Amino acid sequence: MLLSQNRHWRVTRGKTASEVVISLEKEELPEDWREFKDFRLEIPVDRWNRVVKHVRTDRKLFGGVVLEFANQEEQLPAVLGQDRLYGDLQRVVQDATSSLVESGALALSAVDLSPE
């Protein structure tokens, strides 16, 4: 099931309903980025909140969060180092989050921030 897609990224449900797969769109990559064509992140839905929480923070922090989900860990710094790829990744993760919430696969909950 397609959750979100843009020029460089595609987000789908994994082989199981408990996984989200973020992969690069091979056909749309410029020639100098072809080495990234098989790069993907396979993220369990129960860990998705952590990814969303950090997608708009520092690149290095986000990279640390998704490192364990990368199929080619050695490519992660280079992929996240590309401004266009990273910007598109941020947008596609946000769109996929909306799709996950709408489908009922992900639930939002209120956090009590009042002092005790």
PDB file of N, CA and C in Angstrom:
ATOM      1  N   MET A   1       0.846  -1.181   0.000  1.00  0.00           N
ATOM      2  CA  MET A   1       0.000   0.000   0.000  1.00  0.00           C
ATOM      3  C   MET A   1       0.891   1.243   0.000  1.00  0.00           C
ATOM      4  N   LEU A   2       0.664   2.117  -0.940  1.00  0.00           N
ATOM      5  CA  LEU A   2       1.408   3.364  -1.043  1.00  0.00           C
ATOM      6  C   LEU A   2       0.898   4.342   0.005  1.00  0.00           C
ATOM      7  N   LEU A   3       1.821   4.879   0.819  1.00  0.00           N
ATOM      8  CA  LEU A   3       1.460   5.861   1.841  1.00  0.00           C
ATOM      9  C   LEU A   3       1.771   7.285   1.393  1.00  0.00           C
ATOM     10  N   SER A   4       2.889   7.441   0.694  1.00  0.00           N
ATOM     11  CA  SER A   4       3.304   8.762   0.237  1.00  0.00           C
ATOM     12  C   SER A   4       4.387   8.598  -0.824  1.00  0.00           C
ATOM     13  N   GLN A   5       4.491   9.610  -1.687  1.00  0.00           N
ATOM     14  CA  GLN A   5       5.498   9.556  -2.734  1.00  0.00           C
ATOM     15  C   GLN A   5       5.805  10.970  -3.196  1.00  0.00           C
ATOM     16  N   ASN A   6       7.064  11.223  -3.501  1.00  0.00           N
ATOM     17  CA  ASN A   6       7.445  12.471  -4.143  1.00  0.00           C
ATOM     18  C   ASN A   6       8.522  12.160  -5.167  1.00  0.00           C
ATOM     19  N   ARG A   7       9.192  13.154  -5.649  1.00  0.00           N
ATOM     20  CA  ARG A   7      10.144  12.945  -6.737  1.00  0.00           C
ATOM     21  C   ARG A   7      11.230  11.929  -6.385  1.00  0.00           C
ATOM     22  N   HIS A   8      11.751  11.972  -5.169  1.00  0.00           N
ATOM     23  CA  HIS A   8      12.878  11.116  -4.809  1.00  0.00           C
ATOM     24  C   HIS A   8      12.539   9.934  -3.915  1.00  0.00           C
ATOM     25  N   TRP A   9      11.439   9.973  -3.193  1.00  0.00           N
ATOM     26  CA  TRP A   9      11.126   8.951  -2.195  1.00  0.00           C
ATOM     27  C   TRP A   9       9.754   8.342  -2.406  1.00  0.00           C
ATOM     28  N   ARG A  10       9.624   7.105  -1.934  1.00  0.00           N
ATOM     29  CA  ARG A  10       8.357   6.376  -1.965  1.00  0.00           C
ATOM     30  C   ARG A  10       8.215   5.691  -0.603  1.00  0.00           C
ATOM     31  N   VAL A  11       7.042   5.842   0.027  1.00  0.00           N
ATOM     32  CA  VAL A  11       6.790   5.217   1.324  1.00  0.00           C
ATOM     33  C   VAL A  11       5.623   4.255   1.160  1.00  0.00           C
ATOM     34  N   THR A  12       5.849   3.000   1.521  1.00  0.00           N
ATOM     35  CA  THR A  12       4.827   1.963   1.407  1.00  0.00           C
ATOM     36  C   THR A  12       4.760   1.154   2.695  1.00  0.00           C
ATOM     37  N   ARG A  13       3.691   0.404   2.850  1.00  0.00           N
ATOM     38  CA  ARG A  13       3.628  -0.566   3.931  1.00  0.00           C
ATOM     39  C   ARG A  13       4.544  -1.711   3.537  1.00  0.00           C
ATOM     40  N   GLY A  14       5.176  -2.316   4.510  1.00  0.00           N
ATOM     41  CA  GLY A  14       6.093  -3.415   4.249  1.00  0.00           C
ATOM     42  C   GLY A  14       5.375  -4.716   3.960  1.00  0.00           C
ATOM     43  N   LYS A  15       6.139  -5.789   3.953  1.00  0.00           N
ATOM     44  CA  LYS A  15       5.561  -7.109   3.725  1.00  0.00           C
ATOM     45  C   LYS A  15       4.546  -7.454   4.797  1.00  0.00           C
ATOM     46  N   THR A  16       4.782  -6.932   5.980  1.00  0.00           N
ATOM     47  CA  THR A  16       3.811  -7.096   7.057  1.00  0.00           C
ATOM     48  C   THR A  16       3.200  -5.732   7.340  1.00  0.00           C
ATOM     49  N   ALA A  17       2.031  -5.717   7.896  1.00  0.00           N
ATOM     50  CA  ALA A  17       1.350  -4.455   8.189  1.00  0.00           C
ATOM     51  C   ALA A  17       2.050  -3.676   9.290  1.00  0.00           C
ATOM     52  N   SER A  18       2.976  -4.311   9.979  1.00  0.00           N
ATOM     53  CA  SER A  18       3.659  -3.654  11.092  1.00  0.00           C
ATOM     54  C   SER A  18       4.948  -2.963  10.672  1.00  0.00           C
ATOM     55  N   GLU A  19       5.150  -2.776   9.371  1.00  0.00           N
ATOM     56  CA  GLU A  19       6.390  -2.182   8.880  1.00  0.00           C
ATOM     57  C   GLU A  19       6.105  -1.143   7.803  1.00  0.00           C
ATOM     58  N   VAL A  20       6.911  -0.077   7.806  1.00  0.00           N
ATOM     59  CA  VAL A  20       6.850   0.968   6.787  1.00  0.00           C
ATOM     60  C   VAL A  20       8.194   0.974   6.070  1.00  0.00           C
ATOM     61  N   VAL A  21       8.165   1.026   4.750  1.00  0.00           N
ATOM     62  CA  VAL A  21       9.398   1.011   3.952  1.00  0.00           C
ATOM     63  C   VAL A  21       9.519   2.345   3.211  1.00  0.00           C
ATOM     64  N   ILE A  22      10.652   2.997   3.418  1.00  0.00           N
ATOM     65  CA  ILE A  22      10.962   4.240   2.703  1.00  0.00           C
ATOM     66  C   ILE A  22      12.086   3.904   1.728  1.00  0.00           C
ATOM     67  N   SER A  23      11.847   4.102   0.444  1.00  0.00           N
ATOM     68  CA  SER A  23      12.860   3.772  -0.554  1.00  0.00           C
ATOM     69  C   SER A  23      13.018   4.920  -1.545  1.00  0.00           C
ATOM     70  N   LEU A  24      14.187   4.958  -2.158  1.00  0.00           N
ATOM     71  CA  LEU A  24      14.459   5.977  -3.169  1.00  0.00           C
ATOM     72  C   LEU A  24      13.824   5.580  -4.492  1.00  0.00           C
ATOM     73  N   GLU A  25      13.313   6.560  -5.205  1.00  0.00           N
ATOM     74  CA  GLU A  25      12.770   6.347  -6.540  1.00  0.00           C
ATOM     75  C   GLU A  25      13.946   6.270  -7.511  1.00  0.00           C
ATOM     76  N   LYS A  26      14.246   5.100  -7.969  1.00  0.00           N
ATOM     77  CA  LYS A  26      15.435   4.860  -8.790  1.00  0.00           C
ATOM     78  C   LYS A  26      15.454   5.674 -10.083  1.00  0.00           C
ATOM     79  N   GLU A  27      14.314   5.766 -10.750  1.00  0.00           N
ATOM     80  CA  GLU A  27      14.249   6.429 -12.050  1.00  0.00           C
ATOM     81  C   GLU A  27      14.486   7.931 -11.953  1.00  0.00           C
ATOM     82  N   GLU A  28      14.199   8.521 -10.824  1.00  0.00           N
ATOM     83  CA  GLU A  28      14.278   9.974 -10.670  1.00  0.00           C
ATOM     84  C   GLU A  28      15.623  10.464 -10.134  1.00  0.00           C
ATOM     85  N   LEU A  29      16.519   9.547  -9.801  1.00  0.00           N
ATOM     86  CA  LEU A  29      17.797   9.970  -9.230  1.00  0.00           C
ATOM     87  C   LEU A  29      18.736  10.501 -10.306  1.00  0.00           C
ATOM     88  N   PRO A  30      19.402  11.619 -10.030  1.00  0.00           N
ATOM     89  CA  PRO A  30      20.425  12.102 -10.960  1.00  0.00           C
ATOM     90  C   PRO A  30      21.548  11.065 -11.069  1.00  0.00           C
ATOM     91  N   GLU A  31      22.276  11.132 -12.135  1.00  0.00           N
ATOM     92  CA  GLU A  31      23.334  10.155 -12.409  1.00  0.00           C
ATOM     93  C   GLU A  31      24.339  10.026 -11.262  1.00  0.00           C
ATOM     94  N   ASP A  32      24.716  11.147 -10.647  1.00  0.00           N
ATOM     95  CA  ASP A  32      25.716  11.092  -9.581  1.00  0.00           C
ATOM     96  C   ASP A  32      25.165  10.517  -8.270  1.00  0.00           C
ATOM     97  N   TRP A  33      23.861  10.262  -8.199  1.00  0.00           N
ATOM     98  CA  TRP A  33      23.267   9.644  -7.003  1.00  0.00           C
ATOM     99  C   TRP A  33      22.864   8.198  -7.253  1.00  0.00           C
ATOM    100  N   ARG A  34      23.199   7.653  -8.415  1.00  0.00           N
ATOM    101  CA  ARG A  34      22.787   6.290  -8.767  1.00  0.00           C
ATOM    102  C   ARG A  34      23.296   5.247  -7.772  1.00  0.00           C
ATOM    103  N   GLU A  35      24.377   5.538  -7.085  1.00  0.00           N
ATOM    104  CA  GLU A  35      24.907   4.592  -6.096  1.00  0.00           C
ATOM    105  C   GLU A  35      23.937   4.383  -4.936  1.00  0.00           C
ATOM    106  N   PHE A  36      22.979   5.275  -4.758  1.00  0.00           N
ATOM    107  CA  PHE A  36      22.005   5.166  -3.672  1.00  0.00           C
ATOM    108  C   PHE A  36      20.745   4.391  -4.086  1.00  0.00           C
ATOM    109  N   LYS A  37      20.677   3.882  -5.304  1.00  0.00           N
ATOM    110  CA  LYS A  37      19.429   3.358  -5.852  1.00  0.00           C
ATOM    111  C   LYS A  37      18.796   2.235  -5.038  1.00  0.00           C
ATOM    112  N   ASP A  38      19.567   1.486  -4.281  1.00  0.00           N
ATOM    113  CA  ASP A  38      19.001   0.385  -3.494  1.00  0.00           C
ATOM    114  C   ASP A  38      18.826   0.750  -2.023  1.00  0.00           C
ATOM    115  N   PHE A  39      19.033   2.012  -1.688  1.00  0.00           N
ATOM    116  CA  PHE A  39      18.922   2.447  -0.297  1.00  0.00           C
ATOM    117  C   PHE A  39      17.455   2.468   0.138  1.00  0.00           C
ATOM    118  N   ARG A  40      17.205   1.947   1.340  1.00  0.00           N
ATOM    119  CA  ARG A  40      15.851   2.002   1.896  1.00  0.00           C
ATOM    120  C   ARG A  40      15.908   1.907   3.415  1.00  0.00           C
ATOM    121  N   LEU A  41      14.846   2.375   4.026  1.00  0.00           N
ATOM    122  CA  LEU A  41      14.669   2.287   5.471  1.00  0.00           C
ATOM    123  C   LEU A  41      13.455   1.411   5.724  1.00  0.00           C
ATOM    124  N   GLU A  42      13.587   0.423   6.582  1.00  0.00           N
ATOM    125  CA  GLU A  42      12.488  -0.470   6.942  1.00  0.00           C
ATOM    126  C   GLU A  42      12.196  -0.235   8.419  1.00  0.00           C
ATOM    127  N   ILE A  43      11.113   0.473   8.686  1.00  0.00           N
ATOM    128  CA  ILE A  43      10.828   0.963  10.041  1.00  0.00           C
ATOM    129  C   ILE A  43       9.558   0.299  10.590  1.00  0.00           C
ATOM    130  N   PRO A  44       9.656  -0.349  11.735  1.00  0.00           N
ATOM    131  CA  PRO A  44       8.441  -0.893  12.352  1.00  0.00           C
ATOM    132  C   PRO A  44       7.487   0.246  12.715  1.00  0.00           C
ATOM    133  N   VAL A  45       6.198   0.025  12.512  1.00  0.00           N
ATOM    134  CA  VAL A  45       5.201   1.051  12.794  1.00  0.00           C
ATOM    135  C   VAL A  45       5.282   1.496  14.252  1.00  0.00           C
ATOM    136  N   ASP A  46       5.573   0.572  15.155  1.00  0.00           N
ATOM    137  CA  ASP A  46       5.642   0.945  16.568  1.00  0.00           C
ATOM    138  C   ASP A  46       6.854   1.813  16.891  1.00  0.00           C
ATOM    139  N   ARG A  47       7.757   2.014  15.943  1.00  0.00           N
ATOM    140  CA  ARG A  47       8.911   2.914  16.118  1.00  0.00           C
ATOM    141  C   ARG A  47       8.775   4.189  15.285  1.00  0.00           C
ATOM    142  N   TRP A  48       7.688   4.290  14.526  1.00  0.00           N
ATOM    143  CA  TRP A  48       7.487   5.417  13.611  1.00  0.00           C
ATOM    144  C   TRP A  48       7.448   6.756  14.339  1.00  0.00           C
ATOM    145  N   ASN A  49       6.825   6.803  15.515  1.00  0.00           N
ATOM    146  CA  ASN A  49       6.741   8.066  16.259  1.00  0.00           C
ATOM    147  C   ASN A  49       8.117   8.654  16.522  1.00  0.00           C
ATOM    148  N   ARG A  50       9.064   7.821  16.822  1.00  0.00           N
ATOM    149  CA  ARG A  50      10.437   8.286  17.075  1.00  0.00           C
ATOM    150  C   ARG A  50      11.039   8.918  15.814  1.00  0.00           C
ATOM    151  N   VAL A  51      10.766   8.319  14.679  1.00  0.00           N
ATOM    152  CA  VAL A  51      11.272   8.848  13.404  1.00  0.00           C
ATOM    153  C   VAL A  51      10.648  10.210  13.123  1.00  0.00           C
ATOM    154  N   VAL A  52       9.326  10.295  13.261  1.00  0.00           N
ATOM    155  CA  VAL A  52       8.622  11.549  12.995  1.00  0.00           C
ATOM    156  C   VAL A  52       9.083  12.644  13.945  1.00  0.00           C
ATOM    157  N   LYS A  53       9.302  12.294  15.183  1.00  0.00           N
ATOM    158  CA  LYS A  53       9.735  13.272  16.187  1.00  0.00           C
ATOM    159  C   LYS A  53      11.051  13.934  15.796  1.00  0.00           C
ATOM    160  N   HIS A  54      11.928  13.203  15.148  1.00  0.00           N
ATOM    161  CA  HIS A  54      13.267  13.725  14.851  1.00  0.00           C
ATOM    162  C   HIS A  54      13.503  14.107  13.389  1.00  0.00           C
ATOM    163  N   VAL A  55      12.517  13.918  12.520  1.00  0.00           N
ATOM    164  CA  VAL A  55      12.742  14.188  11.105  1.00  0.00           C
ATOM    165  C   VAL A  55      13.015  15.661  10.825  1.00  0.00           C
ATOM    166  N   ARG A  56      12.528  16.554  11.664  1.00  0.00           N
ATOM    167  CA  ARG A  56      12.765  17.989  11.464  1.00  0.00           C
ATOM    168  C   ARG A  56      13.860  18.545  12.379  1.00  0.00           C
ATOM    169  N   THR A  57      14.561  17.670  13.084  1.00  0.00           N
ATOM    170  CA  THR A  57      15.653  18.119  13.942  1.00  0.00           C
ATOM    171  C   THR A  57      16.965  18.056  13.176  1.00  0.00           C
ATOM    172  N   ASP A  58      18.035  18.071  13.883  1.00  0.00           N
ATOM    173  CA  ASP A  58      19.370  17.987  13.306  1.00  0.00           C
ATOM    174  C   ASP A  58      19.528  16.713  12.468  1.00  0.00           C
ATOM    175  N   ARG A  59      20.162  16.843  11.312  1.00  0.00           N
ATOM    176  CA  ARG A  59      20.394  15.706  10.412  1.00  0.00           C
ATOM    177  C   ARG A  59      21.130  14.558  11.084  1.00  0.00           C
ATOM    178  N   LYS A  60      22.146  14.900  11.863  1.00  0.00           N
ATOM    179  CA  LYS A  60      22.937  13.857  12.513  1.00  0.00           C
ATOM    180  C   LYS A  60      22.101  13.098  13.540  1.00  0.00           C
ATOM    181  N   LEU A  61      21.283  13.818  14.280  1.00  0.00           N
ATOM    182  CA  LEU A  61      20.401  13.177  15.246  1.00  0.00           C
ATOM    183  C   LEU A  61      19.400  12.267  14.530  1.00  0.00           C
ATOM    184  N   PHE A  62      18.806  12.775  13.462  1.00  0.00           N
ATOM    185  CA  PHE A  62      17.874  11.965  12.687  1.00  0.00           C
ATOM    186  C   PHE A  62      18.584  10.732  12.125  1.00  0.00           C
ATOM    187  N   GLY A  63      19.782  10.924  11.626  1.00  0.00           N
ATOM    188  CA  GLY A  63      20.558   9.797  11.094  1.00  0.00           C
ATOM    189  C   GLY A  63      20.798   8.728  12.147  1.00  0.00           C
ATOM    190  N   GLY A  64      21.068   9.160  13.373  1.00  0.00           N
ATOM    191  CA  GLY A  64      21.247   8.203  14.463  1.00  0.00           C
ATOM    192  C   GLY A  64      19.978   7.444  14.775  1.00  0.00           C
ATOM    193  N   VAL A  65      18.845   8.114  14.648  1.00  0.00           N
ATOM    194  CA  VAL A  65      17.549   7.479  14.920  1.00  0.00           C
ATOM    195  C   VAL A  65      17.246   6.413  13.872  1.00  0.00           C
ATOM    196  N   VAL A  66      17.519   6.691  12.595  1.00  0.00           N
ATOM    197  CA  VAL A  66      17.149   5.749  11.530  1.00  0.00           C
ATOM    198  C   VAL A  66      18.265   4.790  11.141  1.00  0.00           C
ATOM    199  N   LEU A  67      19.433   4.934  11.728  1.00  0.00           N
ATOM    200  CA  LEU A  67      20.571   4.082  11.355  1.00  0.00           C
ATOM    201  C   LEU A  67      20.238   2.599  11.448  1.00  0.00           C
ATOM    202  N   GLU A  68      19.573   2.197  12.503  1.00  0.00           N
ATOM    203  CA  GLU A  68      19.273   0.769  12.684  1.00  0.00           C
ATOM    204  C   GLU A  68      18.267   0.246  11.659  1.00  0.00           C
ATOM    205  N   PHE A  69      17.570   1.126  10.952  1.00  0.00           N
ATOM    206  CA  PHE A  69      16.565   0.709   9.979  1.00  0.00           C
ATOM    207  C   PHE A  69      17.081   0.723   8.541  1.00  0.00           C
ATOM    208  N   ALA A  70      18.293   1.206   8.318  1.00  0.00           N
ATOM    209  CA  ALA A  70      18.851   1.336   6.968  1.00  0.00           C
ATOM    210  C   ALA A  70      19.375  -0.009   6.482  1.00  0.00           C
ATOM    211  N   ASN A  71      19.056  -0.353   5.244  1.00  0.00           N
ATOM    212  CA  ASN A  71      19.553  -1.604   4.686  1.00  0.00           C
ATOM    213  C   ASN A  71      21.020  -1.464   4.279  1.00  0.00           C
ATOM    214  N   GLN A  72      21.461  -0.255   3.991  1.00  0.00           N
ATOM    215  CA  GLN A  72      22.856   0.000   3.633  1.00  0.00           C
ATOM    216  C   GLN A  72      23.359   1.142   4.510  1.00  0.00           C
ATOM    217  N   GLU A  73      23.747   0.788   5.719  1.00  0.00           N
ATOM    218  CA  GLU A  73      24.127   1.777   6.733  1.00  0.00           C
ATOM    219  C   GLU A  73      25.245   2.704   6.260  1.00  0.00           C
ATOM    220  N   GLU A  74      26.166   2.184   5.473  1.00  0.00           N
ATOM    221  CA  GLU A  74      27.297   2.999   5.033  1.00  0.00           C
ATOM    222  C   GLU A  74      26.876   4.135   4.107  1.00  0.00           C
ATOM    223  N   GLN A  75      25.719   4.028   3.467  1.00  0.00           N
ATOM    224  CA  GLN A  75      25.236   5.069   2.569  1.00  0.00           C
ATOM    225  C   GLN A  75      24.427   6.144   3.283  1.00  0.00           C
ATOM    226  N   LEU A  76      23.992   5.888   4.496  1.00  0.00           N
ATOM    227  CA  LEU A  76      23.109   6.819   5.195  1.00  0.00           C
ATOM    228  C   LEU A  76      23.682   8.236   5.302  1.00  0.00           C
ATOM    229  N   PRO A  77      24.940   8.421   5.730  1.00  0.00           N
ATOM    230  CA  PRO A  77      25.455   9.796   5.816  1.00  0.00           C
ATOM    231  C   PRO A  77      25.459  10.521   4.464  1.00  0.00           C
ATOM    232  N   ALA A  78      25.782   9.810   3.400  1.00  0.00           N
ATOM    233  CA  ALA A  78      25.811  10.429   2.074  1.00  0.00           C
ATOM    234  C   ALA A  78      24.402  10.791   1.603  1.00  0.00           C
ATOM    235  N   VAL A  79      23.433   9.924   1.854  1.00  0.00           N
ATOM    236  CA  VAL A  79      22.050  10.196   1.459  1.00  0.00           C
ATOM    237  C   VAL A  79      21.514  11.397   2.222  1.00  0.00           C
ATOM    238  N   LEU A  80      21.700  11.408   3.543  1.00  0.00           N
ATOM    239  CA  LEU A  80      21.194  12.518   4.350  1.00  0.00           C
ATOM    240  C   LEU A  80      21.992  13.801   4.118  1.00  0.00           C
ATOM    241  N   GLY A  81      23.169  13.694   3.576  1.00  0.00           N
ATOM    242  CA  GLY A  81      24.000  14.862   3.291  1.00  0.00           C
ATOM    243  C   GLY A  81      23.559  15.630   2.055  1.00  0.00           C
ATOM    244  N   GLN A  82      22.715  15.025   1.235  1.00  0.00           N
ATOM    245  CA  GLN A  82      22.198  15.689   0.034  1.00  0.00           C
ATOM    246  C   GLN A  82      20.973  16.522   0.421  1.00  0.00           C
ATOM    247  N   ASP A  83      21.068  17.824   0.298  1.00  0.00           N
ATOM    248  CA  ASP A  83      19.987  18.714   0.736  1.00  0.00           C
ATOM    249  C   ASP A  83      18.638  18.388   0.102  1.00  0.00           C
ATOM    250  N   ARG A  84      18.621  18.163  -1.212  1.00  0.00           N
ATOM    251  CA  ARG A  84      17.345  17.872  -1.882  1.00  0.00           C
ATOM    252  C   ARG A  84      16.756  16.550  -1.416  1.00  0.00           C
ATOM    253  N   LEU A  85      17.603  15.540  -1.272  1.00  0.00           N
ATOM    254  CA  LEU A  85      17.109  14.244  -0.799  1.00  0.00           C
ATOM    255  C   LEU A  85      16.568  14.352   0.620  1.00  0.00           C
ATOM    256  N   TYR A  86      17.282  15.074   1.471  1.00  0.00           N
ATOM    257  CA  TYR A  86      16.858  15.195   2.862  1.00  0.00           C
ATOM    258  C   TYR A  86      15.558  15.997   2.979  1.00  0.00           C
ATOM    259  N   GLY A  87      15.452  17.077   2.241  1.00  0.00           N
ATOM    260  CA  GLY A  87      14.230  17.878   2.258  1.00  0.00           C
ATOM    261  C   GLY A  87      13.023  17.082   1.773  1.00  0.00           C
ATOM    262  N   ASP A  88      13.209  16.322   0.694  1.00  0.00           N
ATOM    263  CA  ASP A  88      12.123  15.482   0.191  1.00  0.00           C
ATOM    264  C   ASP A  88      11.793  14.371   1.175  1.00  0.00           C
ATOM    265  N   LEU A  89      12.795  13.848   1.859  1.00  0.00           N
ATOM    266  CA  LEU A  89      12.558  12.813   2.868  1.00  0.00           C
ATOM    267  C   LEU A  89      11.707  13.369   4.011  1.00  0.00           C
ATOM    268  N   GLN A  90      12.007  14.576   4.452  1.00  0.00           N
ATOM    269  CA  GLN A  90      11.221  15.196   5.518  1.00  0.00           C
ATOM    270  C   GLN A  90       9.750  15.315   5.114  1.00  0.00           C
ATOM    271  N   ARG A  91       9.508  15.771   3.897  1.00  0.00           N
ATOM    272  CA  ARG A  91       8.136  15.947   3.428  1.00  0.00           C
ATOM    273  C   ARG A  91       7.402  14.615   3.283  1.00  0.00           C
ATOM    274  N   VAL A  92       8.067  13.614   2.731  1.00  0.00           N
ATOM    275  CA  VAL A  92       7.406  12.333   2.499  1.00  0.00           C
ATOM    276  C   VAL A  92       7.107  11.617   3.821  1.00  0.00           C
ATOM    277  N   VAL A  93       7.957  11.789   4.831  1.00  0.00           N
ATOM    278  CA  VAL A  93       7.702  11.193   6.146  1.00  0.00           C
ATOM    279  C   VAL A  93       6.471  11.849   6.776  1.00  0.00           C
ATOM    280  N   GLN A  94       6.360  13.153   6.654  1.00  0.00           N
ATOM    281  CA  GLN A  94       5.187  13.833   7.210  1.00  0.00           C
ATOM    282  C   GLN A  94       3.900  13.403   6.502  1.00  0.00           C
ATOM    283  N   ASP A  95       3.944  13.295   5.190  1.00  0.00           N
ATOM    284  CA  ASP A  95       2.765  12.854   4.434  1.00  0.00           C
ATOM    285  C   ASP A  95       2.399  11.411   4.778  1.00  0.00           C
ATOM    286  N   ALA A  96       3.405  10.562   4.905  1.00  0.00           N
ATOM    287  CA  ALA A  96       3.155   9.159   5.253  1.00  0.00           C
ATOM    288  C   ALA A  96       2.548   9.048   6.649  1.00  0.00           C
ATOM    289  N   THR A  97       2.965   9.912   7.539  1.00  0.00           N
ATOM    290  CA  THR A  97       2.409   9.909   8.898  1.00  0.00           C
ATOM    291  C   THR A  97       0.916  10.212   8.848  1.00  0.00           C
ATOM    292  N   SER A  98       0.537  11.187   8.055  1.00  0.00           N
ATOM    293  CA  SER A  98      -0.889  11.504   7.891  1.00  0.00           C
ATOM    294  C   SER A  98      -1.646  10.302   7.342  1.00  0.00           C
ATOM    295  N   SER A  99      -1.070   9.627   6.373  1.00  0.00           N
ATOM    296  CA  SER A  99      -1.725   8.446   5.797  1.00  0.00           C
ATOM    297  C   SER A  99      -1.859   7.324   6.817  1.00  0.00           C
ATOM    298  N   LEU A 100      -0.827   7.134   7.629  1.00  0.00           N
ATOM    299  CA  LEU A 100      -0.885   6.098   8.664  1.00  0.00           C
ATOM    300  C   LEU A 100      -1.962   6.397   9.695  1.00  0.00           C
ATOM    301  N   VAL A 101      -2.080   7.668  10.067  1.00  0.00           N
ATOM    302  CA  VAL A 101      -3.115   8.059  11.033  1.00  0.00           C
ATOM    303  C   VAL A 101      -4.502   7.875  10.418  1.00  0.00           C
ATOM    304  N   GLU A 102      -4.677   8.322   9.189  1.00  0.00           N
ATOM    305  CA  GLU A 102      -5.972   8.203   8.514  1.00  0.00           C
ATOM    306  C   GLU A 102      -6.404   6.752   8.348  1.00  0.00           C
ATOM    307  N   SER A 103      -5.444   5.860   8.119  1.00  0.00           N
ATOM    308  CA  SER A 103      -5.780   4.444   7.926  1.00  0.00           C
ATOM    309  C   SER A 103      -5.992   3.705   9.243  1.00  0.00           C
ATOM    310  N   GLY A 104      -5.671   4.360  10.353  1.00  0.00           N
ATOM    311  CA  GLY A 104      -5.834   3.732  11.660  1.00  0.00           C
ATOM    312  C   GLY A 104      -4.646   2.893  12.095  1.00  0.00           C
ATOM    313  N   ALA A 105      -3.578   2.892  11.312  1.00  0.00           N
ATOM    314  CA  ALA A 105      -2.393   2.106  11.652  1.00  0.00           C
ATOM    315  C   ALA A 105      -1.547   2.784  12.722  1.00  0.00           C
ATOM    316  N   LEU A 106      -1.738   4.084  12.887  1.00  0.00           N
ATOM    317  CA  LEU A 106      -0.981   4.863  13.856  1.00  0.00           C
ATOM    318  C   LEU A 106      -1.960   5.745  14.616  1.00  0.00           C
ATOM    319  N   ALA A 107      -1.832   5.776  15.912  1.00  0.00           N
ATOM    320  CA  ALA A 107      -2.744   6.573  16.720  1.00  0.00           C
ATOM    321  C   ALA A 107      -1.995   7.736  17.350  1.00  0.00           C
ATOM    322  N   LEU A 108      -2.658   8.863  17.378  1.00  0.00           N
ATOM    323  CA  LEU A 108      -2.109  10.024  18.068  1.00  0.00           C
ATOM    324  C   LEU A 108      -2.647  10.029  19.475  1.00  0.00           C
ATOM    325  N   SER A 109      -1.820  10.455  20.401  1.00  0.00           N
ATOM    326  CA  SER A 109      -2.298  10.552  21.787  1.00  0.00           C
ATOM    327  C   SER A 109      -1.802  11.858  22.386  1.00  0.00           C
ATOM    328  N   ALA A 110      -2.596  12.382  23.276  1.00  0.00           N
ATOM    329  CA  ALA A 110      -2.229  13.617  23.937  1.00  0.00           C
ATOM    330  C   ALA A 110      -1.210  13.323  25.047  1.00  0.00           C
ATOM    331  N   VAL A 111      -0.300  14.238  25.223  1.00  0.00           N
ATOM    332  CA  VAL A 111       0.710  14.115  26.256  1.00  0.00           C
ATOM    333  C   VAL A 111       0.396  15.155  27.317  1.00  0.00           C
ATOM    334  N   ASP A 112       0.354  14.744  28.553  1.00  0.00           N
ATOM    335  CA  ASP A 112       0.080  15.656  29.651  1.00  0.00           C
ATOM    336  C   ASP A 112       1.371  16.384  30.016  1.00  0.00           C
ATOM    337  N   LEU A 113       1.403  17.683  29.775  1.00  0.00           N
ATOM    338  CA  LEU A 113       2.591  18.481  30.041  1.00  0.00           C
ATOM    339  C   LEU A 113       2.446  19.321  31.304  1.00  0.00           C
ATOM    340  N   SER A 114       1.379  19.123  32.043  1.00  0.00           N
ATOM    341  CA  SER A 114       1.171  19.919  33.245  1.00  0.00           C
ATOM    342  C   SER A 114       2.131  19.461  34.367  1.00  0.00           C
ATOM    343  N   PRO A 115       2.637  20.430  35.131  1.00  0.00           N
ATOM    344  CA  PRO A 115       3.550  20.076  36.229  1.00  0.00           C
ATOM    345  C   PRO A 115       2.778  19.338  37.328  1.00  0.00           C
ATOM    346  N   GLU A 116       3.485  18.447  37.963  1.00  0.00           N
ATOM    347  CA  GLU A 116       2.824  17.662  39.019  1.00  0.00           C
ATOM    348  C   GLU A 116       3.062  18.246  40.373  1.00  0.00           C
TER     349      GLU A 116
END
